[in-house]
Amino acid sequence: MTAPSLASPAEVARRRARLGDPANAPLAAHVRALRTRLEGLVPDMDPLDGGTAARVLLLLEKPGPQAARTGFVSRDNPSPTSAAIRAFLDQAGLARRDTLIWNSIPAWNGTIRVTGAELARGAAELPPLLSLLPRLDTVILVGRRAQRLEGLLPAPLRVLASAHPSPQVRAAFPDRWRAIPDIWASAATPP
C-alpha cells in the first residue's frame, strides 16, 4: 500500500506526531542533536520507514528542496527523485519496515552543490547514526558522493553502491538508472 504524499500538510503533521514512537524516538533525538551542530536545515527521518529496526540503510547524498519543505527525508516527498526511490524500492522487493533513508550530508543549505567540508562533517556524523541501528546489515550508498563514505562503514556490514535516482542521472546515464532496482534487490535478502 502506498503512503500518502507529503505534499499534504495534514500528512506532514501526522508523521511529525509519529516521531515519538518507540522505533523513531532515538532517531528523532539524533536529528535534534544534529540541528545543534550543523548549519542548515536537518530534516527528520520518515517515521513510516523501519526506524531503529531497519536492516537496510539507503544513504543518499544530500537533502533537497522537497525535504526542506516537508521536513522529512522520505520516499513520499513530492519530487521526481522520491518517486523514483519509491518505485525502485518496490521493484527491489525491499519492505518499507526494513529500510531507512538518510543522507551522507544531513543538512540542506539551499544548494545541491556539495563541498568537501560538508562531506567531512557528514562522515563524522555517520557512526552515531549507525549505533542507533542494531539490526542494520546492509548500507546502500546511493550516488557518487555517498560512495566516498564506503571506507567508513564497519565490517561486517554489506555495502552496495548504486547510481543516484535523480532525473539528471536518468537523462545522462540511462544504463546506470536502469540498474538501480537490481542493485537494491541484492539487499532484499539478509546476508
Protein backbone atom coordinates (compact mmCIF):
# COMPACT_ATOMS: atom_id res chain seq x y z
CA MET A 1 0.00 0.00 0.00
CA THR A 2 1.34 3.42 -0.93
CA ALA A 3 1.56 6.00 1.85
CA PRO A 4 0.00 9.42 1.31
CA SER A 5 2.21 12.07 -0.24
CA LEU A 6 3.97 14.58 1.96
CA ALA A 7 2.56 17.27 -0.33
CA SER A 8 -0.33 17.29 2.15
CA PRO A 9 0.22 19.45 5.27
CA ALA A 10 -2.07 17.08 7.17
CA GLU A 11 0.18 14.15 6.28
CA VAL A 12 3.27 16.08 7.33
CA ALA A 13 1.60 16.78 10.70
CA ARG A 14 0.57 13.12 11.07
CA ARG A 15 4.14 11.95 10.53
CA ARG A 16 5.56 14.63 12.81
CA ALA A 17 3.31 13.22 15.55
CA ARG A 18 4.84 9.76 14.98
CA LEU A 19 8.42 10.89 15.65
CA GLY A 20 7.94 9.94 19.31
CA ASP A 21 7.02 6.32 18.54
CA PRO A 22 9.50 3.86 20.14
CA ALA A 23 11.22 2.93 16.85
CA ASN A 24 11.52 6.59 15.85
CA ALA A 25 12.28 8.48 19.07
CA PRO A 26 16.04 7.70 19.18
CA LEU A 27 16.39 8.80 15.54
CA ALA A 28 14.40 11.98 16.17
CA ALA A 29 16.67 12.75 19.13
CA HIS A 30 19.70 12.18 16.89
CA VAL A 31 18.31 14.65 14.36
CA ARG A 32 17.63 17.22 17.09
CA ALA A 33 21.27 16.90 18.21
CA LEU A 34 22.45 17.33 14.61
CA ARG A 35 20.46 20.54 14.39
CA THR A 36 22.52 21.99 17.24
CA ARG A 37 25.82 21.13 15.49
CA LEU A 38 25.18 21.63 11.78
CA GLU A 39 24.35 24.69 9.74
CA GLY A 40 21.26 24.49 7.57
CA LEU A 41 18.04 22.53 7.89
CA VAL A 42 18.30 18.91 9.05
CA PRO A 43 15.10 17.09 8.09
CA ASP A 44 13.73 14.18 10.11
CA MET A 45 13.80 10.56 9.02
CA ASP A 46 10.43 9.28 7.85
CA PRO A 47 8.63 7.58 10.77
CA LEU A 48 6.83 5.26 8.34
CA ASP A 49 10.18 3.64 7.48
CA GLY A 50 11.80 0.98 9.65
CA GLY A 51 13.22 3.33 12.25
CA THR A 52 15.69 1.71 14.63
CA ALA A 53 14.52 -1.72 13.43
CA ALA A 54 15.71 -1.09 9.85
CA ARG A 55 18.19 -3.55 8.45
CA VAL A 56 18.91 -1.64 5.21
CA LEU A 57 20.12 1.96 5.18
CA LEU A 58 19.87 3.86 1.92
CA LEU A 59 22.49 6.56 2.29
CA LEU A 60 21.86 9.22 -0.32
CA GLU A 61 23.89 12.37 -0.92
CA LYS A 62 22.20 15.49 0.47
CA PRO A 63 18.66 16.58 1.32
CA GLY A 64 16.98 18.50 -1.46
CA PRO A 65 14.45 21.32 -1.58
CA GLN A 66 11.48 18.97 -1.05
CA ALA A 67 12.99 17.59 2.15
CA ALA A 68 13.42 21.19 3.28
CA ARG A 69 9.75 21.93 2.50
CA THR A 70 8.29 18.84 4.19
CA GLY A 71 10.89 18.46 6.92
CA PHE A 72 11.41 14.76 6.09
CA VAL A 73 13.88 12.63 4.17
CA SER A 74 11.25 10.43 2.54
CA ARG A 75 10.28 8.37 -0.45
CA ASP A 76 6.93 10.19 -0.16
CA ASN A 77 8.23 13.69 -0.82
CA PRO A 78 6.60 15.29 -3.88
CA SER A 79 9.61 15.10 -6.21
CA PRO A 80 10.73 13.01 -9.19
CA THR A 81 13.68 11.64 -7.21
CA SER A 82 11.43 10.50 -4.36
CA ALA A 83 9.02 8.89 -6.82
CA ALA A 84 11.95 7.00 -8.37
CA ILE A 85 13.17 5.87 -4.95
CA ARG A 86 9.68 4.60 -4.10
CA ALA A 87 9.38 2.74 -7.41
CA PHE A 88 12.87 1.24 -7.22
CA LEU A 89 12.35 0.06 -3.63
CA ASP A 90 9.11 -1.62 -4.71
CA GLN A 91 10.82 -3.23 -7.72
CA ALA A 92 13.67 -4.40 -5.49
CA GLY A 93 11.28 -6.08 -3.08
CA LEU A 94 12.55 -4.07 -0.10
CA ALA A 95 9.83 -3.76 2.52
CA ARG A 96 9.43 -0.30 3.99
CA ARG A 97 9.73 -1.65 7.53
CA ASP A 98 13.22 -2.97 6.64
CA THR A 99 14.58 0.31 5.26
CA LEU A 100 15.67 3.71 6.43
CA ILE A 101 16.58 6.59 4.11
CA TRP A 102 19.18 9.15 5.14
CA ASN A 103 21.84 11.38 3.59
CA SER A 104 25.63 11.44 3.71
CA ILE A 105 25.30 15.17 4.25
CA PRO A 106 22.46 15.57 6.76
CA ALA A 107 21.76 19.29 6.30
CA TRP A 108 20.19 21.25 3.45
CA ASN A 109 21.87 24.62 2.95
CA GLY A 110 19.87 25.90 0.00
CA THR A 111 22.01 24.39 -2.76
CA ILE A 112 22.57 20.97 -4.28
CA ARG A 113 26.27 21.80 -4.57
CA VAL A 114 28.39 19.62 -2.27
CA THR A 115 31.67 20.68 -0.71
CA GLY A 116 34.43 18.57 0.76
CA ALA A 117 33.82 20.21 4.13
CA GLU A 118 30.15 19.13 4.05
CA LEU A 119 31.15 15.56 3.24
CA ALA A 120 33.68 15.55 6.08
CA ARG A 121 31.06 16.82 8.56
CA GLY A 122 28.58 14.22 7.32
CA ALA A 123 31.17 11.45 7.64
CA ALA A 124 31.77 12.45 11.26
CA GLU A 125 28.06 12.10 11.97
CA LEU A 126 27.72 8.62 10.46
CA PRO A 127 28.99 6.47 13.39
CA PRO A 128 26.44 7.87 15.88
CA LEU A 129 23.65 7.06 13.43
CA LEU A 130 24.90 3.52 12.84
CA SER A 131 24.97 2.92 16.60
CA LEU A 132 21.19 3.52 16.66
CA LEU A 133 20.51 0.76 14.12
CA PRO A 134 21.16 -2.59 15.87
CA ARG A 135 19.58 -4.73 13.10
CA LEU A 136 21.47 -3.00 10.28
CA ASP A 137 23.15 -5.47 7.92
CA THR A 138 23.32 -3.53 4.63
CA VAL A 139 24.14 0.00 3.56
CA ILE A 140 23.36 1.10 0.01
CA LEU A 141 25.50 4.07 -0.97
CA VAL A 142 23.33 5.97 -3.43
CA GLY A 143 25.31 8.33 -5.68
CA ARG A 144 28.98 9.15 -6.17
CA ARG A 145 29.23 11.45 -3.18
CA ALA A 146 27.71 8.92 -0.81
CA GLN A 147 30.07 6.29 -2.17
CA ARG A 148 33.01 8.30 -0.81
CA LEU A 149 31.97 7.10 2.66
CA GLU A 150 32.44 3.42 1.87
CA GLY A 151 35.68 3.12 3.84
CA LEU A 152 33.96 4.41 6.97
CA LEU A 153 31.43 1.60 7.16
CA PRO A 154 32.44 -1.07 9.67
CA ALA A 155 32.56 -4.78 8.99
CA PRO A 156 30.51 -6.92 8.79
CA LEU A 157 28.07 -4.54 7.07
CA ARG A 158 27.34 -5.43 3.48
CA VAL A 159 27.93 -2.37 1.31
CA LEU A 160 26.27 -1.89 -2.06
CA ALA A 161 26.64 1.08 -4.42
CA SER A 162 24.21 2.43 -6.98
CA ALA A 163 23.67 5.48 -9.12
CA HIS A 164 21.52 8.25 -7.70
CA PRO A 165 17.84 8.04 -8.81
CA SER A 166 17.70 11.66 -9.93
CA PRO A 167 16.29 12.88 -13.26
CA GLN A 168 19.81 14.07 -14.17
CA VAL A 169 21.22 10.54 -13.87
CA ARG A 170 18.25 9.14 -15.80
CA ALA A 171 18.95 11.56 -18.67
CA ALA A 172 22.74 11.27 -18.73
CA PHE A 173 23.28 7.63 -17.73
CA PRO A 174 20.19 5.55 -18.59
CA ASP A 175 22.03 2.23 -18.14
CA ARG A 176 23.06 3.18 -14.59
CA TRP A 177 19.49 4.32 -13.90
CA ARG A 178 18.00 1.01 -15.10
CA ALA A 179 20.49 -0.95 -12.94
CA ILE A 180 19.36 0.67 -9.68
CA PRO A 181 16.50 -1.71 -8.77
CA ASP A 182 18.62 -4.79 -9.42
CA ILE A 183 21.39 -3.45 -7.19
CA TRP A 184 18.91 -2.58 -4.47
CA ALA A 185 17.29 -6.04 -4.80
CA SER A 186 20.58 -7.51 -3.58
CA ALA A 187 19.67 -6.09 -0.17
CA ALA A 188 16.22 -7.71 -0.04
CA THR A 189 17.67 -10.89 1.49
CA PRO A 190 19.82 -10.58 4.62
CA PRO A 191 23.45 -11.59 4.11
